[in-house]
Amino acid sequence: MENKEIKTLSDQELVDKIKEGKEAYGKLKLNHNVSPIENPIKIRDSRKTVARLQTEATKRKKAVK
């Protein structure tokens, strides 16, 4: 997910995407620990996407204050 797409999300959609992203990241890590997944780059991409979403959420909270 690109930054342009993230900025167009509403606040509730942003919270939902963060929750979904964290769940997906956790599942990827667990699956990789059990048996190596074919493309471990997916783990890194998932982690970075969650970080981008959280950064946008923090920006919005600070802008409100």
C-alpha atoms as a PDB file:
ATOM      1  CA  MET A   1       0.000   0.000   0.000  1.00  0.00           C
ATOM      2  CA  GLU A   2       1.437   3.341  -1.044  1.00  0.00           C
ATOM      3  CA  ASN A   3       1.414   6.562   0.966  1.00  0.00           C
ATOM      4  CA  LYS A   4      -1.054   8.153  -1.458  1.00  0.00           C
ATOM      5  CA  GLU A   5      -3.541   5.377  -0.766  1.00  0.00           C
ATOM      6  CA  ILE A   6      -2.980   5.614   2.983  1.00  0.00           C
ATOM      7  CA  LYS A   7      -3.658   9.359   3.046  1.00  0.00           C
ATOM      8  CA  THR A   8      -7.032   8.895   1.343  1.00  0.00           C
ATOM      9  CA  LEU A   9      -8.298   6.484   4.024  1.00  0.00           C
ATOM     10  CA  SER A  10     -10.739   7.692   6.651  1.00  0.00           C
ATOM     11  CA  ASP A  11      -9.785   7.456  10.308  1.00  0.00           C
ATOM     12  CA  GLN A  12     -11.849   4.310  10.886  1.00  0.00           C
ATOM     13  CA  GLU A  13     -10.509   2.639   7.751  1.00  0.00           C
ATOM     14  CA  LEU A  14      -6.996   3.470   8.926  1.00  0.00           C
ATOM     15  CA  VAL A  15      -7.601   1.797  12.287  1.00  0.00           C
ATOM     16  CA  ASP A  16      -9.088  -1.254  10.550  1.00  0.00           C
ATOM     17  CA  LYS A  17      -6.131  -1.520   8.149  1.00  0.00           C
ATOM     18  CA  ILE A  18      -3.674  -1.312  11.058  1.00  0.00           C
ATOM     19  CA  LYS A  19      -5.480  -4.141  12.827  1.00  0.00           C
ATOM     20  CA  GLU A  20      -5.581  -6.281   9.662  1.00  0.00           C
ATOM     21  CA  GLY A  21      -1.941  -5.546   8.915  1.00  0.00           C
ATOM     22  CA  LYS A  22      -0.793  -6.550  12.386  1.00  0.00           C
ATOM     23  CA  GLU A  23      -2.733  -9.800  12.163  1.00  0.00           C
ATOM     24  CA  ALA A  24      -1.288 -10.591   8.742  1.00  0.00           C
ATOM     25  CA  TYR A  25       2.231  -9.775   9.939  1.00  0.00           C
ATOM     26  CA  GLY A  26       1.827 -12.038  12.962  1.00  0.00           C
ATOM     27  CA  LYS A  27       0.583 -14.902  10.806  1.00  0.00           C
ATOM     28  CA  LEU A  28       3.475 -14.492   8.378  1.00  0.00           C
ATOM     29  CA  LYS A  29       6.004 -14.563  11.200  1.00  0.00           C
ATOM     30  CA  LEU A  30       4.414 -17.620  12.765  1.00  0.00           C
ATOM     31  CA  ASN A  31       4.263 -19.492   9.474  1.00  0.00           C
ATOM     32  CA  HIS A  32       7.876 -18.595   8.736  1.00  0.00           C
ATOM     33  CA  ASN A  33       8.999 -19.861  12.149  1.00  0.00           C
ATOM     34  CA  VAL A  34       7.187 -23.162  11.664  1.00  0.00           C
ATOM     35  CA  SER A  35       8.422 -23.741   8.138  1.00  0.00           C
ATOM     36  CA  PRO A  36      10.268 -21.231   5.971  1.00  0.00           C
ATOM     37  CA  ILE A  37       7.939 -19.451   3.589  1.00  0.00           C
ATOM     38  CA  GLU A  38       8.803 -19.191  -0.080  1.00  0.00           C
ATOM     39  CA  ASN A  39       9.229 -15.406  -0.138  1.00  0.00           C
ATOM     40  CA  PRO A  40      10.430 -13.956   3.202  1.00  0.00           C
ATOM     41  CA  ILE A  41      10.385 -10.454   1.697  1.00  0.00           C
ATOM     42  CA  LYS A  42       6.623 -10.498   2.332  1.00  0.00           C
ATOM     43  CA  ILE A  43       7.367 -10.302   6.064  1.00  0.00           C
ATOM     44  CA  ARG A  44       9.408  -7.139   5.638  1.00  0.00           C
ATOM     45  CA  ASP A  45       6.836  -5.560   3.342  1.00  0.00           C
ATOM     46  CA  SER A  46       4.047  -6.333   5.775  1.00  0.00           C
ATOM     47  CA  ARG A  47       5.976  -4.809   8.673  1.00  0.00           C
ATOM     48  CA  LYS A  48       6.717  -1.650   6.678  1.00  0.00           C
ATOM     49  CA  THR A  49       3.094  -1.277   5.617  1.00  0.00           C
ATOM     50  CA  VAL A  50       1.949  -1.446   9.236  1.00  0.00           C
ATOM     51  CA  ALA A  51       4.565   1.160  10.150  1.00  0.00           C
ATOM     52  CA  ARG A  52       3.335   3.486   7.383  1.00  0.00           C
ATOM     53  CA  LEU A  53      -0.240   3.126   8.595  1.00  0.00           C
ATOM     54  CA  GLN A  54       0.747   3.815  12.194  1.00  0.00           C
ATOM     55  CA  THR A  55       2.769   6.850  11.140  1.00  0.00           C
ATOM     56  CA  GLU A  56      -0.233   8.330   9.338  1.00  0.00           C
ATOM     57  CA  ALA A  57      -2.443   7.655  12.367  1.00  0.00           C
ATOM     58  CA  THR A  58       0.039   9.440  14.615  1.00  0.00           C
ATOM     59  CA  LYS A  59       0.227  12.423  12.239  1.00  0.00           C
ATOM     60  CA  ARG A  60      -3.536  12.742  12.304  1.00  0.00           C
ATOM     61  CA  LYS A  61      -3.688  12.568  16.109  1.00  0.00           C
ATOM     62  CA  LYS A  62      -1.058  15.285  16.429  1.00  0.00           C
ATOM     63  CA  ALA A  63      -2.827  17.480  13.873  1.00  0.00           C
ATOM     64  CA  VAL A  64      -6.043  17.335  15.927  1.00  0.00           C
ATOM     65  CA  LYS A  65      -4.310  18.561  19.079  1.00  0.00           C
END
